[in-house]
Amino acid sequence: MVIGSAMDIVTHCKVPRYLHNDLPLGNPLGEPGDRVAHKETLLNALALTSADSPIVKVSALQWSGDSDWKSAYNRVDDSNRESLLKMGEENRRRRAANKSRGLTR
């Protein structure tokens, strides 16, 4: 069996209850400040709690701000390569400094 997407994996593993919102990471309830979307998402998720068998539901919630957010997600090209390199170097420096002070994640 070839598993191609996150939804395939969730279905294959028979996750008991799963509500999928196709939104940018870090925004599982919808856009910041959108109380209507937040409430709708929570009610949809709570509705799954009475399921007798594994259930996967895809939310109809849409990201209205930048409808093209997926094209920028995980993109590395000439337009951002130098910036990403600098951010990575700074992250490594910060982690090394924290490690030397005995701090861990």
PDB file of N, CA and C in Angstrom:
ATOM      1  N   MET A   1       0.838  -1.180   0.000  1.00  0.00           N
ATOM      2  CA  MET A   1       0.000   0.000   0.000  1.00  0.00           C
ATOM      3  C   MET A   1       0.882   1.242   0.000  1.00  0.00           C
ATOM      4  N   VAL A   2       0.615   2.157  -0.903  1.00  0.00           N
ATOM      5  CA  VAL A   2       1.350   3.410  -0.957  1.00  0.00           C
ATOM      6  C   VAL A   2       0.493   4.478  -0.294  1.00  0.00           C
ATOM      7  N   ILE A   3       1.092   5.157   0.671  1.00  0.00           N
ATOM      8  CA  ILE A   3       0.370   6.212   1.377  1.00  0.00           C
ATOM      9  C   ILE A   3       0.945   7.537   0.912  1.00  0.00           C
ATOM     10  N   GLY A   4       0.091   8.405   0.353  1.00  0.00           N
ATOM     11  CA  GLY A   4       0.595   9.614  -0.259  1.00  0.00           C
ATOM     12  C   GLY A   4       0.401  10.905   0.495  1.00  0.00           C
ATOM     13  N   SER A   5      -0.604  10.997   1.326  1.00  0.00           N
ATOM     14  CA  SER A   5      -0.853  12.273   1.985  1.00  0.00           C
ATOM     15  C   SER A   5      -1.148  12.067   3.458  1.00  0.00           C
ATOM     16  N   ALA A   6      -1.188  13.162   4.180  1.00  0.00           N
ATOM     17  CA  ALA A   6      -1.510  13.100   5.607  1.00  0.00           C
ATOM     18  C   ALA A   6      -2.888  12.491   5.809  1.00  0.00           C
ATOM     19  N   MET A   7      -3.831  12.818   4.947  1.00  0.00           N
ATOM     20  CA  MET A   7      -5.182  12.265   5.078  1.00  0.00           C
ATOM     21  C   MET A   7      -5.159  10.754   4.852  1.00  0.00           C
ATOM     22  N   ASP A   8      -4.339  10.282   3.915  1.00  0.00           N
ATOM     23  CA  ASP A   8      -4.207   8.843   3.691  1.00  0.00           C
ATOM     24  C   ASP A   8      -3.662   8.159   4.937  1.00  0.00           C
ATOM     25  N   ILE A   9      -2.681   8.777   5.566  1.00  0.00           N
ATOM     26  CA  ILE A   9      -2.074   8.205   6.765  1.00  0.00           C
ATOM     27  C   ILE A   9      -3.085   8.144   7.894  1.00  0.00           C
ATOM     28  N   VAL A  10      -3.813   9.229   8.103  1.00  0.00           N
ATOM     29  CA  VAL A  10      -4.826   9.276   9.162  1.00  0.00           C
ATOM     30  C   VAL A  10      -5.872   8.196   8.942  1.00  0.00           C
ATOM     31  N   THR A  11      -6.327   8.047   7.713  1.00  0.00           N
ATOM     32  CA  THR A  11      -7.335   7.038   7.394  1.00  0.00           C
ATOM     33  C   THR A  11      -6.767   5.636   7.566  1.00  0.00           C
ATOM     34  N   HIS A  12      -5.564   5.403   7.066  1.00  0.00           N
ATOM     35  CA  HIS A  12      -4.934   4.094   7.156  1.00  0.00           C
ATOM     36  C   HIS A  12      -4.717   3.664   8.610  1.00  0.00           C
ATOM     37  N   CYS A  13      -4.337   4.600   9.454  1.00  0.00           N
ATOM     38  CA  CYS A  13      -4.069   4.295  10.869  1.00  0.00           C
ATOM     39  C   CYS A  13      -5.344   4.189  11.696  1.00  0.00           C
ATOM     40  N   LYS A  14      -6.467   4.488  11.086  1.00  0.00           N
ATOM     41  CA  LYS A  14      -7.754   4.437  11.774  1.00  0.00           C
ATOM     42  C   LYS A  14      -7.763   5.295  13.041  1.00  0.00           C
ATOM     43  N   VAL A  15      -7.322   6.532  12.863  1.00  0.00           N
ATOM     44  CA  VAL A  15      -7.359   7.496  13.958  1.00  0.00           C
ATOM     45  C   VAL A  15      -8.810   7.618  14.412  1.00  0.00           C
ATOM     46  N   PRO A  16      -9.066   7.557  15.720  1.00  0.00           N
ATOM     47  CA  PRO A  16     -10.455   7.538  16.198  1.00  0.00           C
ATOM     48  C   PRO A  16     -11.302   8.722  15.731  1.00  0.00           C
ATOM     49  N   ARG A  17     -10.766   9.917  15.838  1.00  0.00           N
ATOM     50  CA  ARG A  17     -11.498  11.106  15.442  1.00  0.00           C
ATOM     51  C   ARG A  17     -10.503  12.124  14.895  1.00  0.00           C
ATOM     52  N   TYR A  18     -10.799  12.667  13.728  1.00  0.00           N
ATOM     53  CA  TYR A  18      -9.874  13.630  13.139  1.00  0.00           C
ATOM     54  C   TYR A  18     -10.656  14.672  12.355  1.00  0.00           C
ATOM     55  N   LEU A  19     -10.455  15.929  12.718  1.00  0.00           N
ATOM     56  CA  LEU A  19     -11.035  17.046  11.982  1.00  0.00           C
ATOM     57  C   LEU A  19      -9.889  17.770  11.293  1.00  0.00           C
ATOM     58  N   HIS A  20      -9.922  17.809   9.987  1.00  0.00           N
ATOM     59  CA  HIS A  20      -8.841  18.422   9.214  1.00  0.00           C
ATOM     60  C   HIS A  20      -9.255  19.818   8.758  1.00  0.00           C
ATOM     61  N   ASN A  21      -8.470  20.813   9.156  1.00  0.00           N
ATOM     62  CA  ASN A  21      -8.628  22.175   8.666  1.00  0.00           C
ATOM     63  C   ASN A  21      -7.435  22.464   7.777  1.00  0.00           C
ATOM     64  N   ASP A  22      -7.677  22.761   6.534  1.00  0.00           N
ATOM     65  CA  ASP A  22      -6.604  23.028   5.579  1.00  0.00           C
ATOM     66  C   ASP A  22      -6.211  24.498   5.666  1.00  0.00           C
ATOM     67  N   LEU A  23      -5.496  24.816   6.761  1.00  0.00           N
ATOM     68  CA  LEU A  23      -5.118  26.189   7.058  1.00  0.00           C
ATOM     69  C   LEU A  23      -3.623  26.259   7.319  1.00  0.00           C
ATOM     70  N   PRO A  24      -3.045  27.467   7.279  1.00  0.00           N
ATOM     71  CA  PRO A  24      -1.617  27.580   7.589  1.00  0.00           C
ATOM     72  C   PRO A  24      -1.312  27.047   8.989  1.00  0.00           C
ATOM     73  N   LEU A  25      -0.155  26.411   9.130  1.00  0.00           N
ATOM     74  CA  LEU A  25       0.235  25.881  10.434  1.00  0.00           C
ATOM     75  C   LEU A  25       0.214  26.981  11.479  1.00  0.00           C
ATOM     76  N   GLY A  26      -0.208  26.622  12.683  1.00  0.00           N
ATOM     77  CA  GLY A  26      -0.288  27.574  13.773  1.00  0.00           C
ATOM     78  C   GLY A  26      -1.640  28.256  13.865  1.00  0.00           C
ATOM     79  N   ASN A  27      -2.542  27.918  12.976  1.00  0.00           N
ATOM     80  CA  ASN A  27      -3.872  28.524  12.960  1.00  0.00           C
ATOM     81  C   ASN A  27      -4.953  27.447  12.885  1.00  0.00           C
ATOM     82  N   PRO A  28      -4.977  26.502  13.827  1.00  0.00           N
ATOM     83  CA  PRO A  28      -5.885  25.366  13.716  1.00  0.00           C
ATOM     84  C   PRO A  28      -7.364  25.725  13.831  1.00  0.00           C
ATOM     85  N   LEU A  29      -7.671  26.877  14.404  1.00  0.00           N
ATOM     86  CA  LEU A  29      -9.072  27.265  14.560  1.00  0.00           C
ATOM     87  C   LEU A  29      -9.527  28.262  13.509  1.00  0.00           C
ATOM     88  N   GLY A  30      -8.606  28.740  12.703  1.00  0.00           N
ATOM     89  CA  GLY A  30      -8.948  29.739  11.707  1.00  0.00           C
ATOM     90  C   GLY A  30      -8.089  30.969  11.886  1.00  0.00           C
ATOM     91  N   GLU A  31      -8.492  32.035  11.225  1.00  0.00           N
ATOM     92  CA  GLU A  31      -7.709  33.268  11.270  1.00  0.00           C
ATOM     93  C   GLU A  31      -7.813  33.927  12.652  1.00  0.00           C
ATOM     94  N   PRO A  32      -6.738  34.566  13.092  1.00  0.00           N
ATOM     95  CA  PRO A  32      -6.769  35.240  14.389  1.00  0.00           C
ATOM     96  C   PRO A  32      -7.922  36.239  14.474  1.00  0.00           C
ATOM     97  N   GLY A  33      -8.648  36.179  15.586  1.00  0.00           N
ATOM     98  CA  GLY A  33      -9.742  37.108  15.806  1.00  0.00           C
ATOM     99  C   GLY A  33     -11.065  36.716  15.173  1.00  0.00           C
ATOM    100  N   ASP A  34     -11.094  35.665  14.389  1.00  0.00           N
ATOM    101  CA  ASP A  34     -12.332  35.227  13.730  1.00  0.00           C
ATOM    102  C   ASP A  34     -13.093  34.310  14.673  1.00  0.00           C
ATOM    103  N   ARG A  35     -13.813  34.901  15.612  1.00  0.00           N
ATOM    104  CA  ARG A  35     -14.498  34.129  16.657  1.00  0.00           C
ATOM    105  C   ARG A  35     -15.555  33.185  16.084  1.00  0.00           C
ATOM    106  N   VAL A  36     -16.189  33.568  15.000  1.00  0.00           N
ATOM    107  CA  VAL A  36     -17.201  32.710  14.379  1.00  0.00           C
ATOM    108  C   VAL A  36     -16.552  31.425  13.874  1.00  0.00           C
ATOM    109  N   ALA A  37     -15.422  31.555  13.178  1.00  0.00           N
ATOM    110  CA  ALA A  37     -14.704  30.378  12.668  1.00  0.00           C
ATOM    111  C   ALA A  37     -14.174  29.528  13.821  1.00  0.00           C
ATOM    112  N   HIS A  38     -13.675  30.173  14.874  1.00  0.00           N
ATOM    113  CA  HIS A  38     -13.155  29.441  16.031  1.00  0.00           C
ATOM    114  C   HIS A  38     -14.261  28.597  16.646  1.00  0.00           C
ATOM    115  N   LYS A  39     -15.417  29.207  16.838  1.00  0.00           N
ATOM    116  CA  LYS A  39     -16.544  28.487  17.443  1.00  0.00           C
ATOM    117  C   LYS A  39     -16.996  27.339  16.534  1.00  0.00           C
ATOM    118  N   GLU A  40     -17.095  27.597  15.237  1.00  0.00           N
ATOM    119  CA  GLU A  40     -17.509  26.565  14.279  1.00  0.00           C
ATOM    120  C   GLU A  40     -16.547  25.373  14.319  1.00  0.00           C
ATOM    121  N   THR A  41     -15.252  25.657  14.370  1.00  0.00           N
ATOM    122  CA  THR A  41     -14.255  24.589  14.412  1.00  0.00           C
ATOM    123  C   THR A  41     -14.399  23.759  15.684  1.00  0.00           C
ATOM    124  N   LEU A  42     -14.547  24.436  16.811  1.00  0.00           N
ATOM    125  CA  LEU A  42     -14.698  23.710  18.079  1.00  0.00           C
ATOM    126  C   LEU A  42     -15.968  22.874  18.095  1.00  0.00           C
ATOM    127  N   LEU A  43     -17.077  23.411  17.597  1.00  0.00           N
ATOM    128  CA  LEU A  43     -18.321  22.645  17.555  1.00  0.00           C
ATOM    129  C   LEU A  43     -18.196  21.437  16.627  1.00  0.00           C
ATOM    130  N   ASN A  44     -17.519  21.619  15.483  1.00  0.00           N
ATOM    131  CA  ASN A  44     -17.293  20.484  14.569  1.00  0.00           C
ATOM    132  C   ASN A  44     -16.453  19.401  15.229  1.00  0.00           C
ATOM    133  N   ALA A  45     -15.426  19.812  15.960  1.00  0.00           N
ATOM    134  CA  ALA A  45     -14.568  18.844  16.639  1.00  0.00           C
ATOM    135  C   ALA A  45     -15.337  18.121  17.746  1.00  0.00           C
ATOM    136  N   LEU A  46     -16.115  18.857  18.519  1.00  0.00           N
ATOM    137  CA  LEU A  46     -16.889  18.234  19.596  1.00  0.00           C
ATOM    138  C   LEU A  46     -17.947  17.278  19.057  1.00  0.00           C
ATOM    139  N   ALA A  47     -18.461  17.560  17.870  1.00  0.00           N
ATOM    140  CA  ALA A  47     -19.458  16.669  17.263  1.00  0.00           C
ATOM    141  C   ALA A  47     -18.872  15.298  16.952  1.00  0.00           C
ATOM    142  N   LEU A  48     -17.556  15.225  16.779  1.00  0.00           N
ATOM    143  CA  LEU A  48     -16.910  13.949  16.471  1.00  0.00           C
ATOM    144  C   LEU A  48     -16.776  13.053  17.704  1.00  0.00           C
ATOM    145  N   THR A  49     -16.960  13.600  18.895  1.00  0.00           N
ATOM    146  CA  THR A  49     -16.727  12.821  20.114  1.00  0.00           C
ATOM    147  C   THR A  49     -17.721  11.687  20.299  1.00  0.00           C
ATOM    148  N   SER A  50     -18.851  11.750  19.622  1.00  0.00           N
ATOM    149  CA  SER A  50     -19.850  10.691  19.777  1.00  0.00           C
ATOM    150  C   SER A  50     -19.715   9.589  18.726  1.00  0.00           C
ATOM    151  N   ALA A  51     -18.669   9.636  17.928  1.00  0.00           N
ATOM    152  CA  ALA A  51     -18.483   8.640  16.861  1.00  0.00           C
ATOM    153  C   ALA A  51     -18.220   7.259  17.449  1.00  0.00           C
ATOM    154  N   ASP A  52     -18.850   6.243  16.850  1.00  0.00           N
ATOM    155  CA  ASP A  52     -18.674   4.850  17.286  1.00  0.00           C
ATOM    156  C   ASP A  52     -17.479   4.183  16.626  1.00  0.00           C
ATOM    157  N   SER A  53     -17.049   4.729  15.501  1.00  0.00           N
ATOM    158  CA  SER A  53     -15.942   4.141  14.750  1.00  0.00           C
ATOM    159  C   SER A  53     -15.048   5.281  14.258  1.00  0.00           C
ATOM    160  N   PRO A  54     -13.879   4.936  13.746  1.00  0.00           N
ATOM    161  CA  PRO A  54     -12.983   5.989  13.269  1.00  0.00           C
ATOM    162  C   PRO A  54     -13.685   6.912  12.268  1.00  0.00           C
ATOM    163  N   ILE A  55     -13.456   8.199  12.435  1.00  0.00           N
ATOM    164  CA  ILE A  55     -14.090   9.178  11.547  1.00  0.00           C
ATOM    165  C   ILE A  55     -13.087  10.269  11.184  1.00  0.00           C
ATOM    166  N   VAL A  56     -13.055  10.614   9.918  1.00  0.00           N
ATOM    167  CA  VAL A  56     -12.226  11.699   9.402  1.00  0.00           C
ATOM    168  C   VAL A  56     -13.165  12.686   8.739  1.00  0.00           C
ATOM    169  N   LYS A  57     -13.111  13.927   9.200  1.00  0.00           N
ATOM    170  CA  LYS A  57     -13.960  14.961   8.625  1.00  0.00           C
ATOM    171  C   LYS A  57     -13.070  16.103   8.152  1.00  0.00           C
ATOM    172  N   VAL A  58     -13.350  16.615   6.972  1.00  0.00           N
ATOM    173  CA  VAL A  58     -12.614  17.750   6.426  1.00  0.00           C
ATOM    174  C   VAL A  58     -13.490  18.983   6.580  1.00  0.00           C
ATOM    175  N   SER A  59     -12.974  19.978   7.268  1.00  0.00           N
ATOM    176  CA  SER A  59     -13.702  21.220   7.502  1.00  0.00           C
ATOM    177  C   SER A  59     -13.822  22.015   6.212  1.00  0.00           C
ATOM    178  N   ALA A  60     -14.894  22.742   6.097  1.00  0.00           N
ATOM    179  CA  ALA A  60     -15.099  23.615   4.936  1.00  0.00           C
ATOM    180  C   ALA A  60     -14.451  24.987   5.141  1.00  0.00           C
ATOM    181  N   LEU A  61     -13.837  25.186   6.292  1.00  0.00           N
ATOM    182  CA  LEU A  61     -13.221  26.465   6.637  1.00  0.00           C
ATOM    183  C   LEU A  61     -12.133  26.824   5.623  1.00  0.00           C
ATOM    184  N   GLN A  62     -12.166  28.060   5.149  1.00  0.00           N
ATOM    185  CA  GLN A  62     -11.201  28.548   4.159  1.00  0.00           C
ATOM    186  C   GLN A  62     -10.390  29.695   4.754  1.00  0.00           C
ATOM    187  N   TRP A  63      -9.150  29.830   4.329  1.00  0.00           N
ATOM    188  CA  TRP A  63      -8.298  30.934   4.746  1.00  0.00           C
ATOM    189  C   TRP A  63      -8.536  32.077   3.777  1.00  0.00           C
ATOM    190  N   SER A  64      -9.111  33.184   4.266  1.00  0.00           N
ATOM    191  CA  SER A  64      -9.495  34.254   3.349  1.00  0.00           C
ATOM    192  C   SER A  64      -8.386  35.256   3.088  1.00  0.00           C
ATOM    193  N   GLY A  65      -7.472  35.432   4.037  1.00  0.00           N
ATOM    194  CA  GLY A  65      -6.421  36.430   3.891  1.00  0.00           C
ATOM    195  C   GLY A  65      -5.610  36.247   2.631  1.00  0.00           C
ATOM    196  N   ASP A  66      -4.652  35.368   2.660  1.00  0.00           N
ATOM    197  CA  ASP A  66      -3.787  35.093   1.516  1.00  0.00           C
ATOM    198  C   ASP A  66      -4.156  33.718   1.000  1.00  0.00           C
ATOM    199  N   SER A  67      -4.975  33.678  -0.027  1.00  0.00           N
ATOM    200  CA  SER A  67      -5.448  32.391  -0.527  1.00  0.00           C
ATOM    201  C   SER A  67      -4.321  31.579  -1.159  1.00  0.00           C
ATOM    202  N   ASP A  68      -3.175  32.211  -1.351  1.00  0.00           N
ATOM    203  CA  ASP A  68      -2.047  31.532  -1.978  1.00  0.00           C
ATOM    204  C   ASP A  68      -0.969  31.178  -0.946  1.00  0.00           C
ATOM    205  N   TRP A  69      -1.343  30.996   0.325  1.00  0.00           N
ATOM    206  CA  TRP A  69      -0.359  30.749   1.377  1.00  0.00           C
ATOM    207  C   TRP A  69       0.418  29.459   1.149  1.00  0.00           C
ATOM    208  N   LYS A  70      -0.194  28.469   0.503  1.00  0.00           N
ATOM    209  CA  LYS A  70       0.483  27.189   0.302  1.00  0.00           C
ATOM    210  C   LYS A  70       1.709  27.302  -0.600  1.00  0.00           C
ATOM    211  N   SER A  71       1.675  28.225  -1.549  1.00  0.00           N
ATOM    212  CA  SER A  71       2.811  28.335  -2.468  1.00  0.00           C
ATOM    213  C   SER A  71       4.052  28.869  -1.754  1.00  0.00           C
ATOM    214  N   ALA A  72       3.857  29.632  -0.674  1.00  0.00           N
ATOM    215  CA  ALA A  72       4.997  30.175   0.068  1.00  0.00           C
ATOM    216  C   ALA A  72       5.460  29.233   1.173  1.00  0.00           C
ATOM    217  N   TYR A  73       4.609  28.305   1.579  1.00  0.00           N
ATOM    218  CA  TYR A  73       4.943  27.401   2.662  1.00  0.00           C
ATOM    219  C   TYR A  73       6.092  26.474   2.247  1.00  0.00           C
ATOM    220  N   ASN A  74       7.143  26.464   3.028  1.00  0.00           N
ATOM    221  CA  ASN A  74       8.304  25.600   2.790  1.00  0.00           C
ATOM    222  C   ASN A  74       9.054  25.931   1.499  1.00  0.00           C
ATOM    223  N   ARG A  75       8.847  27.119   0.953  1.00  0.00           N
ATOM    224  CA  ARG A  75       9.508  27.482  -0.303  1.00  0.00           C
ATOM    225  C   ARG A  75      10.929  27.968  -0.023  1.00  0.00           C
ATOM    226  N   VAL A  76      11.861  27.429  -0.740  1.00  0.00           N
ATOM    227  CA  VAL A  76      13.243  27.906  -0.708  1.00  0.00           C
ATOM    228  C   VAL A  76      13.644  28.145  -2.159  1.00  0.00           C
ATOM    229  N   ASP A  77      13.955  29.405  -2.457  1.00  0.00           N
ATOM    230  CA  ASP A  77      14.422  29.741  -3.802  1.00  0.00           C
ATOM    231  C   ASP A  77      15.343  30.957  -3.694  1.00  0.00           C
ATOM    232  N   ASP A  78      15.754  31.487  -4.822  1.00  0.00           N
ATOM    233  CA  ASP A  78      16.709  32.599  -4.818  1.00  0.00           C
ATOM    234  C   ASP A  78      16.173  33.840  -4.106  1.00  0.00           C
ATOM    235  N   SER A  79      14.856  33.987  -4.037  1.00  0.00           N
ATOM    236  CA  SER A  79      14.282  35.182  -3.412  1.00  0.00           C
ATOM    237  C   SER A  79      14.412  35.178  -1.889  1.00  0.00           C
ATOM    238  N   ASN A  80      14.556  33.997  -1.280  1.00  0.00           N
ATOM    239  CA  ASN A  80      14.621  33.948   0.188  1.00  0.00           C
ATOM    240  C   ASN A  80      15.785  33.124   0.734  1.00  0.00           C
ATOM    241  N   ARG A  81      16.598  32.603  -0.140  1.00  0.00           N
ATOM    242  CA  ARG A  81      17.675  31.697   0.281  1.00  0.00           C
ATOM    243  C   ARG A  81      18.628  32.353   1.293  1.00  0.00           C
ATOM    244  N   GLU A  82      19.075  33.572   1.027  1.00  0.00           N
ATOM    245  CA  GLU A  82      20.022  34.243   1.918  1.00  0.00           C
ATOM    246  C   GLU A  82      19.380  34.532   3.281  1.00  0.00           C
ATOM    247  N   SER A  83      18.152  34.972   3.278  1.00  0.00           N
ATOM    248  CA  SER A  83      17.440  35.257   4.527  1.00  0.00           C
ATOM    249  C   SER A  83      17.276  33.984   5.361  1.00  0.00           C
ATOM    250  N   LEU A  84      16.895  32.881   4.708  1.00  0.00           N
ATOM    251  CA  LEU A  84      16.727  31.612   5.419  1.00  0.00           C
ATOM    252  C   LEU A  84      18.063  31.114   5.973  1.00  0.00           C
ATOM    253  N   LEU A  85      19.144  31.311   5.223  1.00  0.00           N
ATOM    254  CA  LEU A  85      20.466  30.913   5.674  1.00  0.00           C
ATOM    255  C   LEU A  85      20.849  31.686   6.939  1.00  0.00           C
ATOM    256  N   LYS A  86      20.609  32.998   6.937  1.00  0.00           N
ATOM    257  CA  LYS A  86      20.915  33.822   8.111  1.00  0.00           C
ATOM    258  C   LYS A  86      20.078  33.391   9.315  1.00  0.00           C
ATOM    259  N   MET A  87      18.798  33.113   9.088  1.00  0.00           N
ATOM    260  CA  MET A  87      17.934  32.672  10.194  1.00  0.00           C
ATOM    261  C   MET A  87      18.417  31.333  10.760  1.00  0.00           C
ATOM    262  N   GLY A  88      18.835  30.430   9.876  1.00  0.00           N
ATOM    263  CA  GLY A  88      19.343  29.136  10.323  1.00  0.00           C
ATOM    264  C   GLY A  88      20.626  29.284  11.122  1.00  0.00           C
ATOM    265  N   GLU A  89      21.532  30.138  10.657  1.00  0.00           N
ATOM    266  CA  GLU A  89      22.791  30.365  11.384  1.00  0.00           C
ATOM    267  C   GLU A  89      22.520  30.962  12.764  1.00  0.00           C
ATOM    268  N   GLU A  90      21.606  31.920  12.834  1.00  0.00           N
ATOM    269  CA  GLU A  90      21.263  32.532  14.121  1.00  0.00           C
ATOM    270  C   GLU A  90      20.627  31.499  15.060  1.00  0.00           C
ATOM    271  N   ASN A  91      19.783  30.662  14.528  1.00  0.00           N
ATOM    272  CA  ASN A  91      19.158  29.615  15.337  1.00  0.00           C
ATOM    273  C   ASN A  91      20.213  28.659  15.902  1.00  0.00           C
ATOM    274  N   ARG A  92      21.162  28.265  15.053  1.00  0.00           N
ATOM    275  CA  ARG A  92      22.231  27.367  15.523  1.00  0.00           C
ATOM    276  C   ARG A  92      23.093  28.035  16.588  1.00  0.00           C
ATOM    277  N   ARG A  93      23.398  29.332  16.407  1.00  0.00           N
ATOM    278  CA  ARG A  93      24.174  30.064  17.427  1.00  0.00           C
ATOM    279  C   ARG A  93      23.417  30.125  18.751  1.00  0.00           C
ATOM    280  N   ARG A  94      22.138  30.438  18.669  1.00  0.00           N
ATOM    281  CA  ARG A  94      21.318  30.538  19.881  1.00  0.00           C
ATOM    282  C   ARG A  94      21.216  29.185  20.594  1.00  0.00           C
ATOM    283  N   ARG A  95      21.043  28.119  19.834  1.00  0.00           N
ATOM    284  CA  ARG A  95      20.957  26.782  20.438  1.00  0.00           C
ATOM    285  C   ARG A  95      22.284  26.378  21.077  1.00  0.00           C
ATOM    286  N   ALA A  96      23.403  26.704  20.422  1.00  0.00           N
ATOM    287  CA  ALA A  96      24.722  26.378  20.981  1.00  0.00           C
ATOM    288  C   ALA A  96      24.950  27.158  22.289  1.00  0.00           C
ATOM    289  N   ALA A  97      24.546  28.429  22.294  1.00  0.00           N
ATOM    290  CA  ALA A  97      24.696  29.244  23.521  1.00  0.00           C
ATOM    291  C   ALA A  97      23.831  28.670  24.630  1.00  0.00           C
ATOM    292  N   ASN A  98      22.606  28.297  24.312  1.00  0.00           N
ATOM    293  CA  ASN A  98      21.732  27.701  25.326  1.00  0.00           C
ATOM    294  C   ASN A  98      22.305  26.385  25.851  1.00  0.00           C
ATOM    295  N   LYS A  99      22.853  25.575  24.951  1.00  0.00           N
ATOM    296  CA  LYS A  99      23.420  24.296  25.365  1.00  0.00           C
ATOM    297  C   LYS A  99      24.605  24.508  26.296  1.00  0.00           C
ATOM    298  N   SER A 100      25.437  25.508  25.999  1.00  0.00           N
ATOM    299  CA  SER A 100      26.590  25.773  26.845  1.00  0.00           C
ATOM    300  C   SER A 100      26.169  26.263  28.235  1.00  0.00           C
ATOM    301  N   ARG A 101      24.965  26.841  28.331  1.00  0.00           N
ATOM    302  CA  ARG A 101      24.434  27.280  29.620  1.00  0.00           C
ATOM    303  C   ARG A 101      23.622  26.177  30.306  1.00  0.00           C
ATOM    304  N   GLY A 102      23.564  25.010  29.682  1.00  0.00           N
ATOM    305  CA  GLY A 102      22.829  23.885  30.278  1.00  0.00           C
ATOM    306  C   GLY A 102      21.350  23.873  29.986  1.00  0.00           C
ATOM    307  N   LEU A 103      20.915  24.725  29.064  1.00  0.00           N
ATOM    308  CA  LEU A 103      19.492  24.784  28.698  1.00  0.00           C
ATOM    309  C   LEU A 103      19.216  23.843  27.535  1.00  0.00           C
ATOM    310  N   THR A 104      18.088  23.188  27.573  1.00  0.00           N
ATOM    311  CA  THR A 104      17.685  22.315  26.468  1.00  0.00           C
ATOM    312  C   THR A 104      16.251  22.634  26.104  1.00  0.00           C
ATOM    313  N   ARG A 105      15.816  22.067  25.030  1.00  0.00           N
ATOM    314  CA  ARG A 105      14.423  22.272  24.589  1.00  0.00           C
ATOM    315  C   ARG A 105      13.476  21.596  25.517  1.00  0.00           C
TER     316      ARG A 105
END
